[in-house]
Protein backbone atom coordinates (compact mmCIF):
# COMPACT_ATOMS: atom_id res chain seq x y z
CA MET A 1 0.00 0.00 0.00
CA LYS A 2 1.35 3.38 -0.95
CA ALA A 3 2.29 5.51 2.06
CA ILE A 4 1.53 9.19 1.77
CA LYS A 5 3.08 11.83 3.99
CA VAL A 6 0.39 14.10 5.37
CA GLY A 7 1.19 17.73 6.06
CA VAL A 8 0.25 17.80 9.72
CA VAL A 9 2.18 18.59 12.85
CA LEU A 10 2.97 15.45 14.82
CA GLY A 11 2.10 15.43 18.48
CA LEU A 12 0.67 13.59 21.43
CA THR A 13 -0.85 14.66 24.67
CA ALA A 14 -0.48 11.47 26.63
CA ILE A 15 -3.27 11.86 29.14
CA LEU A 16 -6.11 9.62 30.22
CA SER A 17 -8.77 8.54 27.79
CA THR A 18 -11.43 5.96 27.07
CA GLY A 19 -11.20 3.32 29.75
CA CYS A 20 -7.63 4.41 30.44
CA GLU A 21 -7.68 5.89 33.94
CA LYS A 22 -5.38 3.11 35.13
CA ILE A 23 -3.16 2.57 32.15
CA LEU A 24 -1.03 5.66 31.76
CA GLN A 25 1.34 7.54 34.02
CA GLU A 26 3.48 9.03 31.26
CA ASN A 27 4.80 12.54 30.87
CA PRO A 28 3.12 14.57 28.11
CA GLN A 29 5.05 14.54 24.83
CA SER A 30 4.99 17.52 22.49
CA GLN A 31 6.55 15.54 19.67
CA ILE A 32 6.93 11.83 19.02
CA VAL A 33 10.20 10.39 17.84
CA PRO A 34 10.98 6.71 17.18
CA SER A 35 12.75 6.29 20.52
CA TYR A 36 9.48 7.11 22.29
CA PHE A 37 8.10 3.74 21.18
CA ASN A 38 11.11 1.70 22.30
CA SER A 39 9.42 0.68 25.55
CA PRO A 40 6.10 -0.84 26.57
CA SER A 41 5.18 2.39 28.36
CA GLY A 42 5.81 4.41 25.22
CA VAL A 43 3.61 2.16 23.10
CA LEU A 44 0.92 2.24 25.77
CA GLY A 45 1.23 6.00 25.99
CA GLY A 46 0.72 6.35 22.27
CA ILE A 47 -2.49 4.32 22.39
CA ALA A 48 -3.79 6.18 25.42
CA GLY A 49 -3.05 9.52 23.79
CA VAL A 50 -5.20 8.56 20.81
CA TYR A 51 -8.04 7.58 23.11
CA ASN A 52 -7.65 10.96 24.74
CA ASP A 53 -8.07 12.73 21.42
CA ILE A 54 -11.40 10.99 20.88
CA ARG A 55 -12.49 12.64 24.11
CA GLY A 56 -11.53 15.99 22.60
CA GLN A 57 -14.21 15.55 19.90
CA TRP A 58 -17.22 13.54 21.10
CA GLY A 59 -19.13 15.69 23.58
CA THR A 60 -17.65 18.99 22.45
CA GLU A 61 -19.73 21.65 20.75
CA GLY A 62 -18.27 22.02 17.26
CA PHE A 63 -17.98 18.30 16.69
CA THR A 64 -21.51 17.65 17.97
CA VAL A 65 -22.88 20.24 15.57
CA GLU A 66 -20.98 18.68 12.68
CA MET A 67 -22.40 15.23 13.46
CA GLN A 68 -26.05 16.25 13.90
CA ALA A 69 -26.91 19.65 12.43
CA GLY A 70 -28.38 19.95 8.94
CA THR A 71 -30.36 16.71 9.22
CA ASP A 72 -34.01 15.75 9.48
CA GLU A 73 -33.75 15.52 13.28
CA PHE A 74 -32.54 18.98 14.31
CA LEU A 75 -33.26 22.65 13.74
CA GLN A 76 -31.34 25.60 15.15
CA GLY A 77 -31.91 26.63 18.73
CA ALA A 78 -32.16 30.29 19.70
CA SER A 79 -28.44 30.39 20.54
CA SER A 80 -27.08 28.36 17.64
CA GLY A 81 -25.16 31.33 16.30
CA GLY A 82 -26.37 30.64 12.76
CA VAL A 83 -23.65 28.11 12.11
CA PRO A 84 -23.62 27.11 8.39
CA PRO A 85 -23.72 23.34 9.13
CA TYR A 86 -27.34 23.81 10.22
CA THR A 87 -28.45 25.18 6.87
CA TYR A 88 -25.58 24.47 4.40
CA ASN A 89 -25.91 28.12 3.40
CA GLY A 90 -22.34 29.40 3.20
CA LEU A 91 -20.79 26.15 4.42
CA ASN A 92 -17.16 26.29 3.34
CA SER A 93 -13.66 25.12 4.06
CA SER A 94 -13.06 27.62 6.85
CA ASN A 95 -15.93 26.66 9.13
CA PHE A 96 -15.80 22.89 9.26
CA GLY A 97 -13.51 20.03 10.22
CA SER A 98 -12.57 20.13 13.90
CA ALA A 99 -11.33 16.53 13.88
CA TRP A 100 -9.37 16.49 10.61
CA GLY A 101 -5.94 17.39 12.01
CA VAL A 102 -6.49 15.38 15.19
CA ALA A 103 -7.37 12.27 13.22
CA PHE A 104 -4.24 12.38 11.07
CA GLN A 105 -2.04 13.17 14.04
CA ASP A 106 -3.48 10.12 15.77
CA ILE A 107 -3.11 7.94 12.70
CA ASN A 108 0.57 8.80 12.60
CA THR A 109 0.92 7.96 16.28
CA LEU A 110 -0.76 4.62 15.65
CA ASN A 111 1.54 3.94 12.71
CA GLY A 112 4.42 4.39 15.14
CA VAL A 113 2.82 2.02 17.63
CA LEU A 114 2.27 -0.59 14.94
CA LYS A 115 5.82 -0.27 13.63
CA TYR A 116 7.77 -0.33 16.88
CA GLY A 117 5.28 -2.31 18.96
CA GLN A 118 6.19 -5.45 17.03
CA THR A 119 9.55 -5.72 18.79
CA ILE A 120 9.11 -4.31 22.30
CA ASP A 121 9.72 -6.58 25.26
CA LEU A 122 6.24 -7.78 26.17
CA PRO A 123 4.50 -11.14 26.57
CA GLU A 124 3.11 -12.18 23.21
CA ALA A 125 -0.53 -11.99 24.36
CA THR A 126 -0.01 -8.45 25.69
CA ARG A 127 1.75 -7.34 22.52
CA LYS A 128 -1.11 -8.68 20.41
CA GLN A 129 -3.63 -6.76 22.48
CA TYR A 130 -1.66 -3.51 22.17
CA LEU A 131 -1.33 -3.90 18.40
CA ALA A 132 -5.01 -4.82 18.10
CA GLN A 133 -5.97 -1.65 19.95
CA ALA A 134 -3.83 0.38 17.56
CA LYS A 135 -5.39 -1.29 14.51
CA PHE A 136 -8.88 -0.67 15.86
CA LEU A 137 -8.16 2.98 16.51
CA ARG A 138 -6.60 3.51 13.08
CA GLY A 139 -9.64 1.88 11.49
CA PHE A 140 -11.91 3.98 13.71
CA TRP A 141 -10.36 7.26 12.61
CA TYR A 142 -10.12 6.35 8.93
CA PHE A 143 -13.75 5.28 8.93
CA TYR A 144 -14.76 8.67 10.33
CA LEU A 145 -12.59 10.42 7.73
CA VAL A 146 -13.81 8.50 4.68
CA GLN A 147 -17.47 8.89 5.66
CA THR A 148 -17.03 12.61 6.14
CA TRP A 149 -14.70 13.63 3.29
CA GLY A 150 -14.49 10.70 0.87
CA ASP A 151 -11.01 10.43 -0.65
CA VAL A 152 -8.42 11.31 2.00
CA PRO A 153 -4.65 10.98 2.47
CA LEU A 154 -3.76 7.39 3.26
CA SER A 155 -0.72 6.61 5.37
CA THR A 156 0.54 3.43 7.01
CA GLU A 157 4.08 4.61 7.72
CA PHE A 158 5.28 6.48 10.79
CA ILE A 159 6.26 9.99 9.71
CA THR A 160 8.93 11.74 11.75
CA THR A 161 9.65 14.63 9.41
CA PRO A 162 6.72 16.92 8.59
CA SER A 163 6.07 17.36 4.90
CA GLN A 164 4.41 20.17 2.97
CA ALA A 165 3.21 17.79 0.26
CA ALA A 166 0.11 15.61 0.44
CA SER A 167 -2.42 13.96 -1.83
CA ARG A 168 -5.70 12.11 -1.53
CA GLN A 169 -6.24 8.41 -2.14
CA SER A 170 -9.51 6.86 -3.26
CA ALA A 171 -12.22 5.90 -0.80
CA ALA A 172 -11.88 2.34 -2.13
CA GLN A 173 -8.27 2.20 -0.91
CA VAL A 174 -9.22 3.69 2.42
CA TYR A 175 -11.94 1.09 2.91
CA GLU A 176 -9.45 -1.67 2.15
CA LEU A 177 -7.28 -0.50 5.02
CA ILE A 178 -10.25 -0.01 7.36
CA ILE A 179 -11.55 -3.50 6.74
CA LYS A 180 -8.09 -5.04 7.09
CA ASP A 181 -7.39 -3.18 10.34
CA LEU A 182 -10.75 -3.94 11.92
CA THR A 183 -10.72 -7.58 10.83
CA GLU A 184 -7.30 -8.09 12.41
CA ALA A 185 -8.29 -6.10 15.49
CA ALA A 186 -11.41 -8.22 16.01
CA ALA A 187 -9.31 -11.38 15.81
CA ASP A 188 -6.92 -10.28 18.58
CA LEU A 189 -8.96 -8.05 20.90
CA PRO A 190 -10.37 -9.65 24.06
CA ASN A 191 -14.06 -10.50 24.33
CA THR A 192 -14.50 -8.12 27.26
CA PRO A 193 -12.51 -5.13 28.57
CA THR A 194 -9.16 -6.37 29.85
CA ALA A 195 -6.38 -4.57 31.72
CA PRO A 196 -4.81 -2.24 30.95
CA PHE A 197 -7.70 -1.18 28.68
CA LEU A 198 -10.53 -1.12 31.20
CA GLY A 199 -13.83 0.75 31.29
CA LYS A 200 -15.37 0.45 27.84
CA ALA A 201 -12.38 0.52 25.51
CA ALA A 202 -12.28 -1.47 22.27
CA THR A 203 -13.05 -5.18 22.47
CA LYS A 204 -13.78 -7.85 19.88
CA PRO A 205 -17.51 -7.05 19.53
CA VAL A 206 -16.77 -3.31 19.25
CA ALA A 207 -14.37 -3.99 16.40
CA GLN A 208 -16.95 -6.30 14.81
CA LEU A 209 -19.65 -3.63 15.00
CA LEU A 210 -17.40 -0.98 13.48
CA LEU A 211 -16.38 -3.48 10.79
CA ALA A 212 -20.06 -4.18 10.08
CA LYS A 213 -20.69 -0.46 9.74
CA ALA A 214 -17.74 -0.15 7.35
CA TYR A 215 -19.00 -3.02 5.18
CA LEU A 216 -22.53 -1.57 5.24
CA THR A 217 -21.33 1.90 4.25
CA ARG A 218 -19.09 0.58 1.48
CA GLY A 219 -21.96 -1.58 0.29
CA TRP A 220 -24.19 1.48 -0.04
CA LEU A 221 -21.41 3.35 -1.82
CA ASN A 222 -20.84 0.64 -4.43
CA ASN A 223 -24.12 -1.31 -4.25
CA THR A 224 -22.13 -4.42 -3.34
CA ALA A 225 -24.31 -7.30 -2.15
CA SER A 226 -21.40 -9.16 -0.57
CA ASP A 227 -20.66 -6.19 1.70
CA PHE A 228 -24.24 -6.20 2.99
CA THR A 229 -24.02 -9.91 3.65
CA GLN A 230 -20.75 -9.47 5.55
CA ALA A 231 -22.24 -6.69 7.67
CA ALA A 232 -25.31 -8.77 8.48
CA SER A 233 -23.20 -11.78 9.43
CA LEU A 234 -21.02 -9.73 11.78
CA CYS A 235 -24.03 -8.31 13.60
CA ALA A 236 -25.58 -11.76 13.85
CA ASP A 237 -22.35 -13.07 15.40
CA ILE A 238 -22.28 -10.34 18.04
CA ILE A 239 -25.90 -11.05 18.99
CA ALA A 240 -25.37 -14.81 19.07
CA ASN A 241 -22.39 -14.40 21.39
CA LYS A 242 -23.72 -11.57 23.53
CA SER A 243 -23.33 -13.51 26.79
CA THR A 244 -19.68 -14.23 25.97
CA TYR A 245 -19.17 -10.53 25.32
CA GLY A 246 -21.05 -9.41 28.42
CA LEU A 247 -23.55 -7.49 26.30
CA ASP A 248 -27.33 -7.24 26.31
CA LEU A 249 -30.20 -4.80 26.18
CA TRP A 250 -31.63 -3.42 29.38
CA GLN A 251 -35.22 -4.51 29.82
CA ASP A 252 -36.25 -0.87 30.14
CA TYR A 253 -35.01 1.51 27.44
CA GLY A 254 -34.62 4.28 29.99
CA ASP A 255 -32.11 2.24 31.99
CA ALA A 256 -29.58 2.60 29.17
CA PHE A 257 -29.22 6.25 30.19
CA VAL A 258 -29.14 5.96 33.96
CA PRO A 259 -25.70 7.26 35.03
CA ALA A 260 -25.07 4.14 37.10
CA ASN A 261 -25.40 2.09 33.90
CA ASP A 262 -23.01 4.15 31.78
CA TYR A 263 -20.54 1.26 31.82
CA GLY A 264 -23.20 -1.45 31.93
CA LYS A 265 -24.16 -4.30 29.66
CA GLU A 266 -25.68 -2.20 26.86
CA THR A 267 -22.69 0.11 26.57
CA MET A 268 -20.05 -1.04 24.09
CA PHE A 269 -17.60 1.83 23.54
CA VAL A 270 -17.22 5.16 25.28
CA SER A 271 -15.12 8.27 25.50
CA ASP A 272 -14.44 8.91 29.19
CA HIS A 273 -14.74 12.25 30.92
CA VAL A 274 -13.31 12.20 34.41
CA LEU A 275 -13.86 14.49 37.39
CA ASP A 276 -10.32 14.52 38.75
CA PRO A 277 -8.95 18.03 38.02
CA LYS A 278 -5.37 16.78 37.91
CA PHE A 279 -5.95 15.86 34.29
CA GLY A 280 -6.26 19.52 33.45
CA TYR A 281 -9.60 19.78 31.67
CA TYR A 282 -11.32 22.09 34.14
CA THR A 283 -11.33 23.27 37.73
CA VAL A 284 -14.24 22.02 39.83
CA GLY A 285 -16.64 24.87 40.52
CA ALA A 286 -15.08 27.21 37.98
CA ALA A 287 -17.99 27.10 35.52
CA ALA A 288 -15.94 25.84 32.59
CA GLY A 289 -17.21 26.98 29.22
CA GLY A 290 -16.31 24.33 26.70
CA GLY A 291 -12.61 23.85 26.13
CA ALA A 292 -10.90 20.77 24.80
CA ALA A 293 -12.08 17.37 26.01
CA GLN A 294 -15.02 18.71 28.03
CA ASN A 295 -18.31 16.85 27.76
CA LEU A 296 -21.04 19.44 27.27
CA SER A 297 -23.41 17.16 25.37
CA PRO A 298 -26.17 17.26 28.03
CA TRP A 299 -26.81 20.93 27.27
CA PHE A 300 -26.64 21.51 23.53
CA THR A 301 -30.31 20.53 23.11
CA ASN A 302 -31.41 22.27 26.31
CA TRP A 303 -33.66 25.35 26.04
CA ASN A 304 -33.23 28.37 28.29
CA TYR A 305 -35.69 27.25 30.95
CA PRO A 306 -34.55 29.79 33.60
CA ASN A 307 -35.08 32.78 31.29
CA ASN A 308 -37.88 31.68 29.00
CA SER A 309 -40.43 30.26 31.42
CA GLY A 310 -42.31 33.33 32.63
CA ILE A 311 -45.22 32.50 34.89
CA ASN A 312 -47.66 34.61 32.84
CA SER A 313 -46.49 33.64 29.39
CA PHE A 314 -49.29 33.76 26.85
CA LYS A 315 -50.21 33.00 23.25
CA SER A 316 -50.10 35.98 20.92
CA ALA A 317 -52.79 36.84 18.41
CA ALA A 318 -50.60 35.15 15.81
CA GLY A 319 -50.57 31.97 17.87
CA ALA A 320 -46.95 32.23 19.08
CA TYR A 321 -45.55 31.72 22.55
CA VAL A 322 -44.76 35.01 24.34
CA ASN A 323 -42.60 34.86 27.46
CA SER A 324 -43.96 37.04 30.27
CA GLY A 325 -43.54 37.36 34.00
CA THR A 326 -41.17 36.05 36.66
CA SER A 327 -39.30 32.91 35.67
CA LEU A 328 -40.74 29.71 37.11
CA MET A 329 -37.33 28.00 37.27
CA LEU A 330 -33.78 28.55 38.43
CA ARG A 331 -30.81 26.90 36.75
CA ASP A 332 -29.96 23.70 38.59
CA SER A 333 -28.01 20.48 38.20
CA GLN A 334 -30.96 18.25 37.33
CA TYR A 335 -32.17 20.28 34.36
CA GLY A 336 -28.73 21.38 33.21
CA ARG A 337 -27.19 24.34 31.46
CA PRO A 338 -29.37 26.08 28.84
CA TYR A 339 -27.11 26.23 25.78
CA THR A 340 -30.03 26.18 23.30
CA ARG A 341 -27.81 25.26 20.36
CA MET A 342 -30.18 22.84 18.62
CA ARG A 343 -33.72 21.60 19.02
CA PRO A 344 -35.85 18.69 17.87
CA ASN A 345 -37.34 19.30 14.45
CA SER A 346 -40.98 19.98 15.29
CA TYR A 347 -41.68 22.27 12.32
CA LYS A 348 -45.17 21.53 10.98
CA TRP A 349 -45.23 21.70 7.20
CA PRO A 350 -48.08 23.87 5.88
CA SER A 351 -48.16 22.24 2.46
CA GLY A 352 -46.58 19.61 0.26
CA ALA A 353 -46.25 15.87 0.77
CA ASN A 354 -45.89 16.27 4.55
CA ALA A 355 -48.58 18.92 5.02
CA GLY A 356 -49.79 19.04 8.60
CA LYS A 357 -46.92 16.87 9.86
CA ASN A 358 -43.69 17.47 11.73
CA TYR A 359 -40.81 15.03 11.74
CA PHE A 360 -40.38 14.87 15.49
CA LEU A 361 -43.86 13.74 16.53
CA ASP A 362 -45.64 12.68 13.34
CA GLN A 363 -42.90 10.69 11.60
CA ALA A 364 -40.29 9.64 14.15
CA PHE A 365 -41.74 9.44 17.65
CA THR A 366 -45.10 7.95 16.74
CA LYS A 367 -46.93 5.38 18.90
CA ARG A 368 -45.97 7.37 21.99
CA ASP A 369 -48.74 5.62 23.91
CA VAL A 370 -46.83 2.33 23.70
CA ASP A 371 -43.29 3.34 22.70
CA SER A 372 -41.39 4.52 25.80
CA ARG A 373 -38.50 6.10 23.92
CA PHE A 374 -40.03 9.56 23.64
CA ILE A 375 -40.74 9.94 27.34
CA ASN A 376 -37.38 8.38 28.25
CA SER A 377 -35.49 10.69 25.90
CA PHE A 378 -37.01 14.12 26.56
CA TYR A 379 -38.00 16.32 29.46
CA THR A 380 -41.69 17.18 29.20
CA VAL A 381 -42.27 18.06 32.86
CA TYR A 382 -40.24 20.50 34.96
CA ILE A 383 -40.95 20.41 38.71
CA SER A 384 -40.74 23.77 40.43
CA ASN A 385 -37.36 24.49 42.02
CA THR A 386 -38.18 28.01 43.22
CA ALA A 387 -41.25 29.52 44.86
CA VAL A 388 -42.85 32.15 42.63
CA THR A 389 -45.75 34.29 43.81
CA ASN A 390 -48.27 35.33 41.18
CA THR A 391 -50.91 37.92 41.99
CA ALA A 392 -54.29 38.04 40.30
CA THR A 393 -53.52 41.52 39.01
CA ALA A 394 -50.05 40.73 37.61
CA ALA A 395 -49.50 41.70 33.99
CA ASN A 396 -50.78 39.04 31.57
CA ASN A 397 -52.08 36.79 34.39
CA LYS A 398 -55.29 35.62 32.78
CA ARG A 399 -56.08 33.03 35.47
CA GLY A 400 -57.79 35.53 37.77
CA ILE A 401 -56.23 34.03 40.93
CA SER A 402 -53.25 34.62 43.21
CA TYR A 403 -50.97 31.79 44.32
CA THR A 404 -47.39 30.71 45.05
CA THR A 405 -45.75 27.72 43.39
CA VAL A 406 -44.61 24.96 45.74
CA VAL A 407 -41.01 23.83 45.34
CA GLY A 408 -40.67 20.13 44.62
CA ALA A 409 -44.41 19.62 44.21
CA ASP A 410 -45.91 21.87 41.55
CA THR A 411 -45.33 21.42 37.85
CA ALA A 412 -43.66 24.62 36.68
CA ILE A 413 -43.55 23.75 32.97
CA TRP A 414 -45.43 21.07 31.09
CA LEU A 415 -44.60 20.43 27.45
CA PRO A 416 -47.25 17.91 26.38
CA ASP A 417 -46.85 16.09 23.08
CA TYR A 418 -50.39 17.00 22.08
CA GLU A 419 -52.47 20.16 21.94
CA VAL A 420 -54.07 21.38 25.18
CA GLU A 421 -56.98 23.80 25.09
CA GLY A 422 -56.32 26.93 27.12
CA ALA A 423 -52.54 26.73 27.03
CA PRO A 424 -50.32 28.18 28.27
CA GLN A 425 -52.19 29.26 31.44
CA PHE A 426 -55.11 26.85 31.48
CA VAL A 427 -55.81 23.18 30.98
CA GLY A 428 -59.21 23.45 29.42
CA THR A 429 -60.96 25.88 31.75
CA ARG A 430 -58.86 24.99 34.82
CA PRO A 431 -56.15 27.49 35.78
CA PHE A 432 -52.67 25.95 35.74
CA LYS A 433 -50.15 27.22 38.30
CA GLY A 434 -47.26 26.77 35.91
CA ILE A 435 -47.31 27.06 32.13
CA VAL A 436 -48.45 24.57 29.52
CA VAL A 437 -46.56 24.65 26.22
CA PRO A 438 -47.98 22.23 23.61
CA PRO A 439 -46.38 21.54 20.20
CA SER A 440 -48.06 24.47 18.47
CA LEU A 441 -46.19 26.84 20.81
CA TRP A 442 -42.76 25.22 20.57
CA ASP A 443 -40.16 27.40 18.89
CA ASN A 444 -36.40 27.86 18.92
CA GLY A 445 -36.51 29.06 22.52
CA ILE A 446 -38.81 26.51 24.15
CA PHE A 447 -39.07 22.81 23.30
CA PRO A 448 -38.63 19.39 24.93
CA ALA A 449 -35.00 19.04 26.01
CA LEU A 450 -33.05 15.86 25.44
CA LYS A 451 -32.51 14.30 28.87
CA LYS A 452 -30.58 11.12 27.99
CA PHE A 453 -27.23 12.66 28.84
CA MET A 454 -28.20 14.92 31.76
CA ASP A 455 -25.70 14.81 34.62
CA PRO A 456 -27.13 15.73 38.05
CA SER A 457 -23.96 14.55 39.82
CA ARG A 458 -22.33 17.98 39.75
CA GLY A 459 -24.45 19.25 42.65
CA ALA A 460 -23.63 22.85 43.54
CA ASN A 461 -21.10 22.94 40.69
CA PHE A 462 -23.87 22.69 38.12
CA ASN A 463 -22.05 24.80 35.55
CA ASP A 464 -19.15 22.34 35.35
CA PRO A 465 -18.81 19.97 32.39
CA SER A 466 -20.39 16.57 32.64
CA THR A 467 -18.21 13.74 33.88
CA ARG A 468 -20.43 11.08 32.33
CA PRO A 469 -18.82 9.25 29.41
CA CYS A 470 -19.95 9.88 25.86
CA VAL A 471 -21.34 6.53 24.71
CA LEU A 472 -20.36 6.11 21.06
CA TYR A 473 -21.84 2.64 20.53
CA ARG A 474 -24.65 0.82 22.31
CA PHE A 475 -25.69 -2.80 21.86
CA ALA A 476 -29.02 -1.65 20.41
CA ASP A 477 -27.09 -0.34 17.42
CA VAL A 478 -26.01 -3.89 16.58
CA TYR A 479 -29.67 -4.77 15.93
CA LEU A 480 -30.30 -1.62 13.90
CA THR A 481 -27.12 -2.00 11.83
CA GLY A 482 -27.90 -5.67 11.28
CA ALA A 483 -31.46 -4.89 10.22
CA GLU A 484 -30.26 -2.41 7.60
CA ALA A 485 -27.70 -4.89 6.33
CA TYR A 486 -30.24 -7.71 6.08
CA LEU A 487 -32.68 -5.46 4.23
CA LYS A 488 -30.02 -4.49 1.72
CA ALA A 489 -28.97 -8.13 1.41
CA GLY A 490 -32.52 -9.04 0.42
CA ASP A 491 -33.83 -10.51 3.70
CA PRO A 492 -36.51 -8.15 5.08
CA THR A 493 -37.87 -10.92 7.30
CA LYS A 494 -34.64 -11.12 9.26
CA ALA A 495 -34.46 -7.32 9.28
CA ALA A 496 -37.93 -7.15 10.83
CA SER A 497 -36.92 -9.69 13.46
CA LEU A 498 -33.96 -7.58 14.57
CA LEU A 499 -36.01 -4.40 14.57
CA ASN A 500 -38.70 -6.10 16.63
CA THR A 501 -36.17 -6.90 19.35
CA VAL A 502 -35.46 -3.21 19.76
CA ARG A 503 -39.07 -2.11 19.32
CA GLN A 504 -40.49 -4.64 21.76
CA ARG A 505 -37.93 -3.58 24.34
CA ALA A 506 -39.13 -0.01 23.84
CA ALA A 507 -42.68 -1.13 24.68
CA TYR A 508 -41.70 -2.14 28.21
CA ARG A 509 -42.52 0.15 31.14
CA LYS A 510 -41.77 -0.59 34.79
CA THR A 511 -45.05 0.98 35.80
CA ALA A 512 -47.15 -1.24 33.52
CA THR A 513 -48.58 -4.66 34.30
CA ALA A 514 -47.33 -7.78 32.54
CA ALA A 515 -50.50 -7.83 30.43
CA GLN A 516 -50.08 -4.17 29.50
CA ASN A 517 -46.45 -4.70 28.51
CA ALA A 518 -47.40 -7.73 26.42
CA ALA A 519 -50.09 -5.75 24.62
CA ALA A 520 -47.68 -2.88 24.01
CA ALA A 521 -45.07 -5.26 22.60
CA THR A 522 -47.66 -6.66 20.22
CA ALA A 523 -48.60 -3.15 19.12
CA MET A 524 -44.93 -2.41 18.40
CA THR A 525 -44.32 -5.55 16.35
CA ILE A 526 -43.78 -5.10 12.62
CA THR A 527 -43.60 -7.45 9.64
CA ALA A 528 -41.22 -7.74 6.72
CA ASN A 529 -43.59 -5.62 4.63
CA ASP A 530 -43.06 -2.68 6.99
CA VAL A 531 -39.29 -2.60 6.58
CA THR A 532 -37.91 0.05 4.28
CA VAL A 533 -34.81 2.21 4.43
CA ASP A 534 -36.92 5.14 5.59
CA PHE A 535 -38.51 3.04 8.32
CA ILE A 536 -35.07 2.04 9.58
CA LEU A 537 -33.93 5.67 9.53
CA ASP A 538 -36.98 6.64 11.58
CA GLU A 539 -36.24 3.76 13.94
CA ARG A 540 -32.68 5.00 14.35
CA THR A 541 -34.10 8.41 15.33
CA ARG A 542 -36.31 6.83 17.95
CA GLU A 543 -33.49 4.76 19.39
CA LEU A 544 -30.41 6.92 18.89
CA PHE A 545 -31.62 10.54 18.89
CA GLY A 546 -28.72 12.82 19.74
CA GLU A 547 -26.07 10.08 19.81
CA TRP A 548 -23.68 11.60 17.21
CA GLN A 549 -24.78 9.41 14.30
CA ARG A 550 -27.46 11.17 12.28
CA TRP A 551 -25.46 12.97 9.60
CA HIS A 552 -23.50 9.82 8.80
CA ASP A 553 -26.72 7.77 8.80
CA LEU A 554 -28.27 9.99 6.14
CA VAL A 555 -25.09 10.13 4.07
CA ARG A 556 -24.57 6.38 4.22
CA THR A 557 -28.09 5.63 2.99
CA ARG A 558 -27.86 8.30 0.27
CA SER A 559 -30.87 9.95 1.94
CA LEU A 560 -29.45 13.28 3.09
CA VAL A 561 -30.78 15.59 0.39
CA ARG A 562 -34.11 13.84 0.04
CA ARG A 563 -34.93 13.78 3.74
CA VAL A 564 -33.59 17.24 4.50
CA LYS A 565 -35.74 18.69 1.71
CA ALA A 566 -38.73 16.73 3.01
CA TRP A 567 -38.44 17.69 6.68
CA ASN A 568 -35.96 20.49 7.48
CA PRO A 569 -37.28 23.94 6.45
CA GLU A 570 -34.04 25.73 7.36
CA ALA A 571 -31.76 23.58 5.23
CA ALA A 572 -34.17 22.52 2.46
CA PRO A 573 -33.53 25.60 0.26
CA TYR A 574 -29.76 25.12 0.31
CA VAL A 575 -28.85 21.45 0.59
CA GLN A 576 -27.43 19.91 -2.58
CA ASP A 577 -25.95 16.61 -3.64
CA PHE A 578 -22.38 17.79 -3.10
CA HIS A 579 -23.16 18.26 0.59
CA MET A 580 -22.93 14.47 0.94
CA LEU A 581 -19.26 15.21 1.58
CA ARG A 582 -17.95 17.91 3.89
CA PRO A 583 -15.52 20.63 2.73
CA ILE A 584 -11.83 19.87 3.19
CA PRO A 585 -10.56 22.25 5.92
CA GLN A 586 -8.82 25.29 4.50
CA THR A 587 -5.92 24.76 6.89
CA GLN A 588 -5.13 21.49 5.12
CA ILE A 589 -5.31 23.07 1.67
CA ASP A 590 -3.09 25.97 2.73
CA ARG A 591 -0.57 23.63 4.32
CA VAL A 592 0.19 21.82 1.06
CA VAL A 593 2.68 24.05 -0.77
CA GLU A 594 4.91 21.40 -2.36
CA GLY A 595 3.81 19.42 -5.40
CA PRO A 596 0.22 19.43 -6.66
CA SER A 597 -2.32 21.50 -4.75
CA PHE A 598 -4.50 19.66 -2.31
CA PRO A 599 -7.93 19.30 -3.98
CA GLN A 600 -11.13 20.55 -2.40
CA ASN A 601 -14.31 18.47 -2.60
CA PRO A 602 -16.60 19.47 -5.49
CA GLY A 603 -19.08 22.24 -4.83
CA TYR A 604 -17.06 24.12 -2.21
């Protein structure tokens, strides 16, 4: 395979990372030289540094926007800043690509690990595990790169001298390396997390899932039946051996997002975010604002509930929500920081094929009476955390009564998923002490907030970053990936079976009787005739909303333009076919000053 020198600065910050709290006590290295890898600790440090760089992307703001904005799922929140990835209007090489340089830096580090790790003094089993981790991580980063940019520089040699020349190799060549790396990694990685790679670092089933995703994506790209079959087989193997791998679904969908279960049986692969300030990411209590490696994902989809929940809010003559009166809520740990960057796509289309429908409630989260995923994913009820006195004569108080909200007892804000007569101050003719905000009043400043990732553990330090891990892959995704692969391989019956496992789990509620849960599971059951690509994409929304996958899902299935035009009013006027690839960062183009110019993707 041809090795290409990539014009990036080599470096490593060897600090803790995914599942690596106990594996690394190395000094930070500003530049890697071959001698760094001449010891087991150097090789281990290189791997841990790459894991750390994953933490610097997943959970951070720019990367989260790049992975989710401009899709059918999300619209801009009131504080989005008008970032072009939401609309594609003006998207260019200077405002995209936070992970490009990091990925190639890490790939070079991994090339060094793979070169020098072959001969370091380690037991053979340990050496194999180290090299398997490196292969997995190289495959991981190249898979992200090829999905996002298509043809990219391909390098398998350790570069010690920076170059100002670079070129792009075909996606086909990149996929060859990805599949080789992940196949070999799956063969040598342990079945379950094993020291020194504890927590939820890469294991055999994680490599198999990523390999299945690579085959599935390449299959879509080339319409290759054998790739779909390979992807389906890999997912089937993971499911068949789930007990060996220590994997399973929680009986209750909501339990997948309980903080105590972050490293539980459904979690496959995470990026850790630790509390200990010695690692340098923030100072406890200092209200960190979003620097490198900080997990702020709980708050990007959170509306400004302390400032936009006036007790006497009302509906204008035009039918819009108008904030009025003393706020019903204070910022606290449970409900999180109100970043208001993005919101669920609840725009109701006035005309066209989807007239009268919005994607959020009418296409994705349907069957909310039996499907628990909506109520387990979003806050719809906010319990009062401050006493607010409202007089009968207060401005815009239409209730005609005076009262004081009771902390911990009264509902301050209710965002029902259906229309309520009399909202926002009444339920029918009954005065409501808080406010009622039904779908017709949702806008970019008030909407159901995603609660999956909320982190109440910060207590009084509620402005600090979350220390929960970012979960990149869950076991449920094995069923969804397998279903898509089986459908494309021509077996919709098997696809339906896998989807039904996930859907029937979603029907379970702890508060329901056995008979009620059985009836709900029956109502959620589908047949082979129901399975289409669009159905699977809707199912992925229901199961994985907000989990850093949506843009790649739409690109993989060649559905981005079609579904954005169908559902996203902000991006529909601007999205075009060339947006199926992101713009090459301008920094990369400018860096290449020797040999041929580095080519930009078409359209940018």
